PDB file of N, CA and C in Angstrom:
ATOM      1  N   GLU A   1     107.259 109.374 159.055  1.00  0.00           N
ATOM      2  CA  GLU A   1     107.906 110.411 159.753  1.00  0.00           C
ATOM      3  C   GLU A   1     106.622 111.178 160.426  1.00  0.00           C
ATOM      4  N   ALA A   2     106.676 111.338 161.740  1.00  0.00           N
ATOM      5  CA  ALA A   2     105.595 111.726 162.371  1.00  0.00           C
ATOM      6  C   ALA A   2     105.746 113.466 162.455  1.00  0.00           C
ATOM      7  N   ILE A   3     104.504 114.065 162.344  1.00  0.00           N
ATOM      8  CA  ILE A   3     104.790 115.521 162.360  1.00  0.00           C
ATOM      9  C   ILE A   3     103.898 115.898 163.682  1.00  0.00           C
ATOM     10  N   ALA A   4     104.566 116.673 164.527  1.00  0.00           N
ATOM     11  CA  ALA A   4     104.027 117.151 165.677  1.00  0.00           C
ATOM     12  C   ALA A   4     103.105 118.473 165.337  1.00  0.00           C
ATOM     13  N   VAL A   5     101.890 118.293 165.793  1.00  0.00           N
ATOM     14  CA  VAL A   5     101.045 119.469 165.572  1.00  0.00           C
ATOM     15  C   VAL A   5     100.775 120.206 167.133  1.00  0.00           C
ATOM     16  N   ALA A   6     100.843 121.431 167.034  1.00  0.00           N
ATOM     17  CA  ALA A   6     100.649 122.176 168.322  1.00  0.00           C
ATOM     18  C   ALA A   6      99.092 122.249 168.311  1.00  0.00           C
ATOM     19  N   HIS A   7      98.621 121.752 169.617  1.00  0.00           N
ATOM     20  CA  HIS A   7      97.382 121.827 169.834  1.00  0.00           C
ATOM     21  C   HIS A   7      96.968 122.913 170.944  1.00  0.00           C
ATOM     22  N   SER A   8      96.256 123.756 170.659  1.00  0.00           N
ATOM     23  CA  SER A   8      95.898 124.734 171.781  1.00  0.00           C
ATOM     24  C   SER A   8      94.671 124.453 172.404  1.00  0.00           C
ATOM     25  N   HIS A   9      94.851 124.181 173.677  1.00  0.00           N
ATOM     26  CA  HIS A   9      93.622 123.685 174.412  1.00  0.00           C
ATOM     27  C   HIS A   9      92.458 124.781 174.528  1.00  0.00           C
ATOM     28  N   PRO A  10      91.280 124.444 174.117  1.00  0.00           N
ATOM     29  CA  PRO A  10      90.271 125.585 174.248  1.00  0.00           C
ATOM     30  C   PRO A  10      89.718 126.246 175.436  1.00  0.00           C
ATOM     31  N   TYR A  11      89.939 125.096 176.426  1.00  0.00           N
ATOM     32  CA  TYR A  11      89.557 125.504 177.846  1.00  0.00           C
ATOM     33  C   TYR A  11      90.719 125.720 178.843  1.00  0.00           C
ATOM     34  N   PRO A  12      90.512 126.624 179.751  1.00  0.00           N
ATOM     35  CA  PRO A  12      91.750 126.813 180.591  1.00  0.00           C
ATOM     36  C   PRO A  12      92.140 125.448 181.513  1.00  0.00           C
ATOM     37  N   THR A  13      93.380 124.996 181.738  1.00  0.00           N
ATOM     38  CA  THR A  13      93.567 123.998 182.424  1.00  0.00           C
ATOM     39  C   THR A  13      94.203 124.375 183.932  1.00  0.00           C
ATOM     40  N   PRO A  14      94.102 123.574 185.026  1.00  0.00           N
ATOM     41  CA  PRO A  14      94.873 124.122 186.068  1.00  0.00           C
ATOM     42  C   PRO A  14      96.345 124.518 185.917  1.00  0.00           C
ATOM     43  N   THR A  15      96.923 124.079 185.046  1.00  0.00           N
ATOM     44  CA  THR A  15      98.397 124.191 184.888  1.00  0.00           C
ATOM     45  C   THR A  15      98.626 125.601 184.258  1.00  0.00           C
ATOM     46  N   MET A  16      97.619 126.118 183.555  1.00  0.00           N
ATOM     47  CA  MET A  16      97.786 127.613 183.009  1.00  0.00           C
ATOM     48  C   MET A  16      97.641 128.516 184.141  1.00  0.00           C
ATOM     49  N   SER A  17      98.369 129.711 184.049  1.00  0.00           N
ATOM     50  CA  SER A  17      98.173 130.623 185.088  1.00  0.00           C
ATOM     51  C   SER A  17      97.069 131.502 184.696  1.00  0.00           C
ATOM     52  N   ASN A  18      95.857 131.025 185.221  1.00  0.00           N
ATOM     53  CA  ASN A  18      94.516 131.845 184.860  1.00  0.00           C
ATOM     54  C   ASN A  18      94.006 131.891 186.332  1.00  0.00           C
ATOM     55  N   SER A  19      93.771 133.073 186.621  1.00  0.00           N
ATOM     56  CA  SER A  19      93.098 133.191 187.982  1.00  0.00           C
ATOM     57  C   SER A  19      91.539 132.831 187.970  1.00  0.00           C
ATOM     58  N   LYS A  20      91.033 132.867 186.948  1.00  0.00           N
ATOM     59  CA  LYS A  20      89.583 132.223 186.948  1.00  0.00           C
ATOM     60  C   LYS A  20      89.732 130.670 187.319  1.00  0.00           C
ATOM     61  N   THR A  21      90.493 130.028 186.722  1.00  0.00           N
ATOM     62  CA  THR A  21      90.566 128.642 186.830  1.00  0.00           C
ATOM     63  C   THR A  21      90.921 128.258 188.295  1.00  0.00           C
ATOM     64  N   LYS A  22      91.817 128.872 188.914  1.00  0.00           N
ATOM     65  CA  LYS A  22      92.223 128.785 190.278  1.00  0.00           C
ATOM     66  C   LYS A  22      91.053 129.025 191.225  1.00  0.00           C
ATOM     67  N   ASP A  23      90.271 130.238 190.946  1.00  0.00           N
ATOM     68  CA  ASP A  23      89.036 130.407 191.686  1.00  0.00           C
ATOM     69  C   ASP A  23      88.049 129.507 191.617  1.00  0.00           C
ATOM     70  N   GLN A  24      87.887 128.673 190.461  1.00  0.00           N
ATOM     71  CA  GLN A  24      86.930 127.740 190.341  1.00  0.00           C
ATOM     72  C   GLN A  24      87.322 126.464 191.162  1.00  0.00           C
ATOM     73  N   MET A  25      88.643 126.189 191.109  1.00  0.00           N
ATOM     74  CA  MET A  25      89.215 125.055 192.093  1.00  0.00           C
ATOM     75  C   MET A  25      88.897 125.393 193.482  1.00  0.00           C
ATOM     76  N   VAL A  26      89.193 126.650 193.930  1.00  0.00           N
ATOM     77  CA  VAL A  26      89.015 126.846 195.342  1.00  0.00           C
ATOM     78  C   VAL A  26      87.635 126.971 195.636  1.00  0.00           C
ATOM     79  N   LEU A  27      86.750 127.345 194.844  1.00  0.00           N
ATOM     80  CA  LEU A  27      85.274 127.329 195.171  1.00  0.00           C
ATOM     81  C   LEU A  27      84.674 125.817 195.152  1.00  0.00           C
ATOM     82  N   LEU A  28      85.129 124.861 194.401  1.00  0.00           N
ATOM     83  CA  LEU A  28      84.642 123.440 194.561  1.00  0.00           C
ATOM     84  C   LEU A  28      85.149 122.884 195.867  1.00  0.00           C
ATOM     85  N   THR A  29      86.312 123.194 196.239  1.00  0.00           N
ATOM     86  CA  THR A  29      87.066 122.769 197.333  1.00  0.00           C
ATOM     87  C   THR A  29      86.232 123.285 198.825  1.00  0.00           C
ATOM     88  N   THR A  30      85.952 124.566 198.564  1.00  0.00           N
ATOM     89  CA  THR A  30      85.260 125.449 199.657  1.00  0.00           C
ATOM     90  C   THR A  30      83.839 124.722 199.699  1.00  0.00           C
ATOM     91  N   ILE A  31      83.080 124.568 198.691  1.00  0.00           N
ATOM     92  CA  ILE A  31      81.782 124.057 198.829  1.00  0.00           C
ATOM     93  C   ILE A  31      81.837 122.419 199.426  1.00  0.00           C
ATOM     94  N   ARG A  32      82.823 121.824 198.935  1.00  0.00           N
ATOM     95  CA  ARG A  32      82.917 120.468 199.590  1.00  0.00           C
ATOM     96  C   ARG A  32      83.233 120.455 201.192  1.00  0.00           C
ATOM     97  N   LYS A  33      84.043 121.350 201.536  1.00  0.00           N
ATOM     98  CA  LYS A  33      84.413 121.451 202.942  1.00  0.00           C
ATOM     99  C   LYS A  33      83.463 122.082 203.756  1.00  0.00           C
ATOM    100  N   SER A  34      82.622 123.060 203.212  1.00  0.00           N
ATOM    101  CA  SER A  34      81.541 123.566 204.022  1.00  0.00           C
ATOM    102  C   SER A  34      80.370 122.654 203.998  1.00  0.00           C
ATOM    103  N   SER A  35      80.240 121.840 202.944  1.00  0.00           N
ATOM    104  CA  SER A  35      79.015 120.902 203.061  1.00  0.00           C
ATOM    105  C   SER A  35      79.185 119.706 203.782  1.00  0.00           C
ATOM    106  N   ALA A  36      80.574 119.306 203.867  1.00  0.00           N
ATOM    107  CA  ALA A  36      80.647 118.072 204.702  1.00  0.00           C
ATOM    108  C   ALA A  36      80.226 117.710 205.877  1.00  0.00           C
ATOM    109  N   PRO A  37      80.204 118.777 206.845  1.00  0.00           N
ATOM    110  CA  PRO A  37      79.540 118.310 208.114  1.00  0.00           C
ATOM    111  C   PRO A  37      77.904 118.090 208.033  1.00  0.00           C
ATOM    112  N   TYR A  38      77.377 118.405 207.066  1.00  0.00           N
ATOM    113  CA  TYR A  38      75.947 118.229 206.902  1.00  0.00           C
ATOM    114  C   TYR A  38      75.603 117.003 206.109  1.00  0.00           C
ATOM    115  N   LEU A  39      76.458 116.290 205.636  1.00  0.00           N
ATOM    116  CA  LEU A  39      76.382 115.162 204.633  1.00  0.00           C
ATOM    117  C   LEU A  39      76.494 113.902 205.453  1.00  0.00           C
ATOM    118  N   PRO A  40      75.651 112.893 205.133  1.00  0.00           N
ATOM    119  CA  PRO A  40      75.835 111.600 205.910  1.00  0.00           C
ATOM    120  C   PRO A  40      77.156 110.906 205.346  1.00  0.00           C
ATOM    121  N   PRO A  41      77.805 110.186 206.197  1.00  0.00           N
ATOM    122  CA  PRO A  41      78.973 109.394 206.020  1.00  0.00           C
ATOM    123  C   PRO A  41      78.993 108.555 204.721  1.00  0.00           C
ATOM    124  N   PRO A  42      77.830 107.858 204.396  1.00  0.00           N
ATOM    125  CA  PRO A  42      77.921 106.988 203.213  1.00  0.00           C
ATOM    126  C   PRO A  42      78.091 107.925 201.983  1.00  0.00           C
ATOM    127  N   LEU A  43      77.545 109.299 202.054  1.00  0.00           N
ATOM    128  CA  LEU A  43      77.819 109.957 200.850  1.00  0.00           C
ATOM    129  C   LEU A  43      79.099 110.610 200.797  1.00  0.00           C
ATOM    130  N   LEU A  44      79.707 110.876 202.089  1.00  0.00           N
ATOM    131  CA  LEU A  44      80.996 111.247 201.749  1.00  0.00           C
ATOM    132  C   LEU A  44      81.989 110.156 201.391  1.00  0.00           C
ATOM    133  N   GLN A  45      81.654 109.031 201.828  1.00  0.00           N
ATOM    134  CA  GLN A  45      82.491 107.911 201.308  1.00  0.00           C
ATOM    135  C   GLN A  45      82.322 107.735 199.797  1.00  0.00           C
ATOM    136  N   PHE A  46      81.189 107.835 199.366  1.00  0.00           N
ATOM    137  CA  PHE A  46      80.834 107.851 197.738  1.00  0.00           C
ATOM    138  C   PHE A  46      81.692 109.025 197.112  1.00  0.00           C
ATOM    139  N   LEU A  47      81.636 110.243 197.585  1.00  0.00           N
ATOM    140  CA  LEU A  47      82.456 111.465 197.132  1.00  0.00           C
ATOM    141  C   LEU A  47      83.953 111.065 196.945  1.00  0.00           C
ATOM    142  N   TYR A  48      84.324 110.389 197.981  1.00  0.00           N
ATOM    143  CA  TYR A  48      85.887 109.940 198.151  1.00  0.00           C
ATOM    144  C   TYR A  48      86.151 109.038 197.086  1.00  0.00           C
ATOM    145  N   VAL A  49      85.302 108.027 196.710  1.00  0.00           N
ATOM    146  CA  VAL A  49      85.519 106.893 196.040  1.00  0.00           C
ATOM    147  C   VAL A  49      85.490 107.465 194.422  1.00  0.00           C
ATOM    148  N   THR A  50      84.524 108.402 194.257  1.00  0.00           N
ATOM    149  CA  THR A  50      84.427 108.975 193.028  1.00  0.00           C
ATOM    150  C   THR A  50      85.716 109.666 192.835  1.00  0.00           C
ATOM    151  N   ASP A  51      86.050 110.691 193.673  1.00  0.00           N
ATOM    152  CA  ASP A  51      87.355 111.567 193.380  1.00  0.00           C
ATOM    153  C   ASP A  51      88.393 110.566 193.056  1.00  0.00           C
ATOM    154  N   THR A  52      88.637 109.567 193.864  1.00  0.00           N
ATOM    155  CA  THR A  52      89.924 108.592 193.790  1.00  0.00           C
ATOM    156  C   THR A  52      89.715 107.993 192.453  1.00  0.00           C
ATOM    157  N   TYR A  53      88.579 107.464 192.015  1.00  0.00           N
ATOM    158  CA  TYR A  53      88.274 106.753 190.731  1.00  0.00           C
ATOM    159  C   TYR A  53      88.766 107.648 189.569  1.00  0.00           C
ATOM    160  N   PHE A  54      88.135 108.802 189.483  1.00  0.00           N
ATOM    161  CA  PHE A  54      88.545 109.689 188.519  1.00  0.00           C
ATOM    162  C   PHE A  54      89.919 110.214 188.353  1.00  0.00           C
ATOM    163  N   HIS A  55      90.681 110.384 189.545  1.00  0.00           N
ATOM    164  CA  HIS A  55      92.012 110.701 189.599  1.00  0.00           C
ATOM    165  C   HIS A  55      92.957 109.549 189.127  1.00  0.00           C
ATOM    166  N   LEU A  56      92.425 108.348 189.407  1.00  0.00           N
ATOM    167  CA  LEU A  56      93.457 107.148 188.967  1.00  0.00           C
ATOM    168  C   LEU A  56      93.043 106.837 187.528  1.00  0.00           C
ATOM    169  N   ASN A  57      91.873 106.783 187.073  1.00  0.00           N
ATOM    170  CA  ASN A  57      91.348 106.166 185.679  1.00  0.00           C
ATOM    171  C   ASN A  57      91.297 107.210 184.642  1.00  0.00           C
ATOM    172  N   HIS A  58      90.931 108.654 185.127  1.00  0.00           N
ATOM    173  CA  HIS A  58      90.760 109.575 184.155  1.00  0.00           C
ATOM    174  C   HIS A  58      91.391 110.652 184.348  1.00  0.00           C
ATOM    175  N   ALA A  59      92.663 110.667 184.690  1.00  0.00           N
ATOM    176  CA  ALA A  59      93.483 112.012 184.990  1.00  0.00           C
ATOM    177  C   ALA A  59      93.604 113.256 184.022  1.00  0.00           C
ATOM    178  N   SER A  60      93.617 112.651 182.828  1.00  0.00           N
ATOM    179  CA  SER A  60      93.575 113.883 181.719  1.00  0.00           C
ATOM    180  C   SER A  60      92.228 114.723 181.988  1.00  0.00           C
ATOM    181  N   ILE A  61      91.342 114.063 182.055  1.00  0.00           N
ATOM    182  CA  ILE A  61      89.823 114.706 181.937  1.00  0.00           C
ATOM    183  C   ILE A  61      89.803 115.426 183.193  1.00  0.00           C
ATOM    184  N   THR A  62      90.130 114.712 184.483  1.00  0.00           N
ATOM    185  CA  THR A  62      90.035 115.342 185.823  1.00  0.00           C
ATOM    186  C   THR A  62      90.843 116.630 185.823  1.00  0.00           C
ATOM    187  N   ASN A  63      92.005 116.666 185.335  1.00  0.00           N
ATOM    188  CA  ASN A  63      92.935 117.791 185.505  1.00  0.00           C
ATOM    189  C   ASN A  63      92.456 119.005 184.472  1.00  0.00           C
ATOM    190  N   ASP A  64      91.886 118.561 183.466  1.00  0.00           N
ATOM    191  CA  ASP A  64      91.561 119.743 182.527  1.00  0.00           C
ATOM    192  C   ASP A  64      90.027 120.227 182.830  1.00  0.00           C
ATOM    193  N   TYR A  65      89.186 119.337 183.550  1.00  0.00           N
ATOM    194  CA  TYR A  65      87.753 119.902 183.589  1.00  0.00           C
ATOM    195  C   TYR A  65      87.435 119.965 184.993  1.00  0.00           C
ATOM    196  N   CYS A  66      87.888 119.003 185.760  1.00  0.00           N
ATOM    197  CA  CYS A  66      87.151 118.864 187.297  1.00  0.00           C
ATOM    198  C   CYS A  66      88.155 119.384 188.311  1.00  0.00           C
ATOM    199  N   HIS A  67      89.414 119.624 187.989  1.00  0.00           N
ATOM    200  CA  HIS A  67      90.477 120.071 188.989  1.00  0.00           C
ATOM    201  C   HIS A  67      90.563 119.037 189.895  1.00  0.00           C
ATOM    202  N   ASP A  68      90.591 119.430 191.234  1.00  0.00           N
ATOM    203  CA  ASP A  68      90.863 118.530 192.384  1.00  0.00           C
ATOM    204  C   ASP A  68      89.623 117.870 192.856  1.00  0.00           C
ATOM    205  N   GLU A  69      88.291 118.447 192.422  1.00  0.00           N
ATOM    206  CA  GLU A  69      87.207 117.914 193.139  1.00  0.00           C
ATOM    207  C   GLU A  69      86.281 117.413 192.000  1.00  0.00           C
ATOM    208  N   PRO A  70      86.521 116.263 191.225  1.00  0.00           N
ATOM    209  CA  PRO A  70      85.581 115.767 190.319  1.00  0.00           C
ATOM    210  C   PRO A  70      84.099 115.373 190.929  1.00  0.00           C
ATOM    211  N   SER A  71      83.975 114.826 191.885  1.00  0.00           N
ATOM    212  CA  SER A  71      82.684 114.756 192.347  1.00  0.00           C
ATOM    213  C   SER A  71      81.876 115.927 192.631  1.00  0.00           C
ATOM    214  N   MET A  72      82.603 117.026 193.086  1.00  0.00           N
ATOM    215  CA  MET A  72      81.827 118.241 193.315  1.00  0.00           C
ATOM    216  C   MET A  72      81.577 118.766 192.006  1.00  0.00           C
ATOM    217  N   ALA A  73      82.349 118.723 191.012  1.00  0.00           N
ATOM    218  CA  ALA A  73      82.095 119.313 189.631  1.00  0.00           C
ATOM    219  C   ALA A  73      80.875 118.532 189.153  1.00  0.00           C
ATOM    220  N   ILE A  74      80.728 117.226 189.284  1.00  0.00           N
ATOM    221  CA  ILE A  74      79.646 116.297 188.835  1.00  0.00           C
ATOM    222  C   ILE A  74      78.486 116.914 189.507  1.00  0.00           C
ATOM    223  N   LEU A  75      78.591 116.990 190.733  1.00  0.00           N
ATOM    224  CA  LEU A  75      77.313 117.329 191.730  1.00  0.00           C
ATOM    225  C   LEU A  75      76.810 118.697 191.333  1.00  0.00           C
ATOM    226  N   SER A  76      77.831 119.561 191.039  1.00  0.00           N
ATOM    227  CA  SER A  76      77.385 120.995 190.852  1.00  0.00           C
ATOM    228  C   SER A  76      76.797 121.229 189.553  1.00  0.00           C
ATOM    229  N   ALA A  77      77.274 120.239 188.564  1.00  0.00           N
ATOM    230  CA  ALA A  77      76.495 120.291 187.077  1.00  0.00           C
ATOM    231  C   ALA A  77      75.165 119.820 187.296  1.00  0.00           C
ATOM    232  N   LEU A  78      75.225 118.706 188.124  1.00  0.00           N
ATOM    233  CA  LEU A  78      73.772 118.020 188.098  1.00  0.00           C
ATOM    234  C   LEU A  78      72.661 118.923 188.897  1.00  0.00           C
ATOM    235  N   PHE A  79      73.140 119.843 189.954  1.00  0.00           N
ATOM    236  CA  PHE A  79      72.432 120.749 190.676  1.00  0.00           C
ATOM    237  C   PHE A  79      71.980 121.921 189.596  1.00  0.00           C
ATOM    238  N   LEU A  80      72.948 122.261 188.802  1.00  0.00           N
ATOM    239  CA  LEU A  80      72.687 123.342 187.827  1.00  0.00           C
ATOM    240  C   LEU A  80      71.611 123.089 186.903  1.00  0.00           C
ATOM    241  N   ALA A  81      71.717 121.575 186.490  1.00  0.00           N
ATOM    242  CA  ALA A  81      70.767 121.215 185.485  1.00  0.00           C
ATOM    243  C   ALA A  81      69.427 121.287 186.022  1.00  0.00           C
ATOM    244  N   TYR A  82      69.345 120.729 187.454  1.00  0.00           N
ATOM    245  CA  TYR A  82      68.102 120.632 188.247  1.00  0.00           C
ATOM    246  C   TYR A  82      67.492 121.923 188.209  1.00  0.00           C
ATOM    247  N   ILE A  83      68.273 122.975 188.664  1.00  0.00           N
ATOM    248  CA  ILE A  83      67.653 124.433 188.591  1.00  0.00           C
ATOM    249  C   ILE A  83      67.153 124.910 187.201  1.00  0.00           C
ATOM    250  N   VAL A  84      68.064 124.650 186.269  1.00  0.00           N
ATOM    251  CA  VAL A  84      67.463 125.104 184.926  1.00  0.00           C
ATOM    252  C   VAL A  84      66.165 124.352 184.639  1.00  0.00           C
ATOM    253  N   TRP A  85      66.149 123.014 184.889  1.00  0.00           N
ATOM    254  CA  TRP A  85      64.856 122.155 184.608  1.00  0.00           C
ATOM    255  C   TRP A  85      63.504 122.779 185.261  1.00  0.00           C
ATOM    256  N   GLN A  86      63.968 123.160 186.731  1.00  0.00           N
ATOM    257  CA  GLN A  86      62.740 123.553 187.306  1.00  0.00           C
ATOM    258  C   GLN A  86      62.270 125.089 186.923  1.00  0.00           C
ATOM    259  N   SER A  87      63.389 125.741 186.346  1.00  0.00           N
ATOM    260  CA  SER A  87      62.965 127.056 185.793  1.00  0.00           C
ATOM    261  C   SER A  87      62.182 127.097 184.618  1.00  0.00           C
ATOM    262  N   ILE A  88      62.654 125.989 183.756  1.00  0.00           N
ATOM    263  CA  ILE A  88      61.861 125.848 182.487  1.00  0.00           C
ATOM    264  C   ILE A  88      60.617 125.233 182.730  1.00  0.00           C
ATOM    265  N   GLN A  89      60.474 124.226 183.633  1.00  0.00           N
ATOM    266  CA  GLN A  89      59.002 123.874 184.052  1.00  0.00           C
ATOM    267  C   GLN A  89      58.050 125.064 184.677  1.00  0.00           C
ATOM    268  N   GLY A  90      58.651 125.880 185.493  1.00  0.00           N
ATOM    269  CA  GLY A  90      57.886 126.817 186.057  1.00  0.00           C
ATOM    270  C   GLY A  90      57.439 127.970 184.891  1.00  0.00           C
ATOM    271  N   MET A  91      58.386 128.201 184.021  1.00  0.00           N
ATOM    272  CA  MET A  91      57.811 129.091 182.875  1.00  0.00           C
ATOM    273  C   MET A  91      56.858 128.467 182.045  1.00  0.00           C
ATOM    274  N   TRP A  92      57.062 127.171 181.622  1.00  0.00           N
ATOM    275  CA  TRP A  92      56.175 126.363 181.011  1.00  0.00           C
ATOM    276  C   TRP A  92      54.584 126.353 181.564  1.00  0.00           C
ATOM    277  N   THR A  93      54.721 126.203 182.803  1.00  0.00           N
ATOM    278  CA  THR A  93      53.568 125.928 183.598  1.00  0.00           C
ATOM    279  C   THR A  93      52.803 127.295 183.732  1.00  0.00           C
ATOM    280  N   SER A  94      53.498 128.279 184.026  1.00  0.00           N
ATOM    281  CA  SER A  94      52.771 129.633 184.023  1.00  0.00           C
ATOM    282  C   SER A  94      52.342 130.213 182.636  1.00  0.00           C
ATOM    283  N   SER A  95      53.183 129.829 181.516  1.00  0.00           N
ATOM    284  CA  SER A  95      52.553 130.266 180.253  1.00  0.00           C
ATOM    285  C   SER A  95      51.405 129.442 179.696  1.00  0.00           C
ATOM    286  N   THR A  96      51.220 128.313 180.272  1.00  0.00           N
ATOM    287  CA  THR A  96      50.158 127.421 179.808  1.00  0.00           C
ATOM    288  C   THR A  96      48.846 127.410 180.796  1.00  0.00           C
ATOM    289  N   LYS A  97      48.902 128.086 181.769  1.00  0.00           N
ATOM    290  CA  LYS A  97      47.792 128.267 182.719  1.00  0.00           C
ATOM    291  C   LYS A  97      46.737 129.131 182.113  1.00  0.00           C
ATOM    292  N   ARG A  98      45.482 128.703 182.297  1.00  0.00           N
ATOM    293  CA  ARG A  98      44.390 129.544 181.865  1.00  0.00           C
ATOM    294  C   ARG A  98      43.774 130.311 182.839  1.00  0.00           C
ATOM    295  N   SER A  99      43.319 131.677 182.739  1.00  0.00           N
ATOM    296  CA  SER A  99      42.547 132.273 183.548  1.00  0.00           C
ATOM    297  C   SER A  99      41.229 131.723 183.690  1.00  0.00           C
ATOM    298  N   THR A 100      40.786 131.557 185.034  1.00  0.00           N
ATOM    299  CA  THR A 100      39.578 131.161 185.301  1.00  0.00           C
ATOM    300  C   THR A 100      38.526 132.335 185.829  1.00  0.00           C
ATOM    301  N   ALA A 101      38.981 133.429 185.561  1.00  0.00           N
ATOM    302  CA  ALA A 101      38.088 134.644 185.875  1.00  0.00           C
ATOM    303  C   ALA A 101      37.260 134.980 184.761  1.00  0.00           C
TER     304      ALA A 101
END
């Protein structure tokens, strides 16, 4: 006999009526649309293939965490990681420099 356990999702999903989640979805779409004219066609094709792959093969993850733009969510996360890395490097470099005066 199986017992159904109610599982509350720790993160908002697009199906929830949450304005913050909808704002994030709109933000990713806006970023993609505004950056598309400046990107080369092979990169745009790669973004399309990535989105299609995630929608077909990882629908539950895509719907819960990446919304309609999985490629933009991935690129945004990588860009944020790059910014954090550069900030840490900058702080490390400035704290380890010795004064030559």
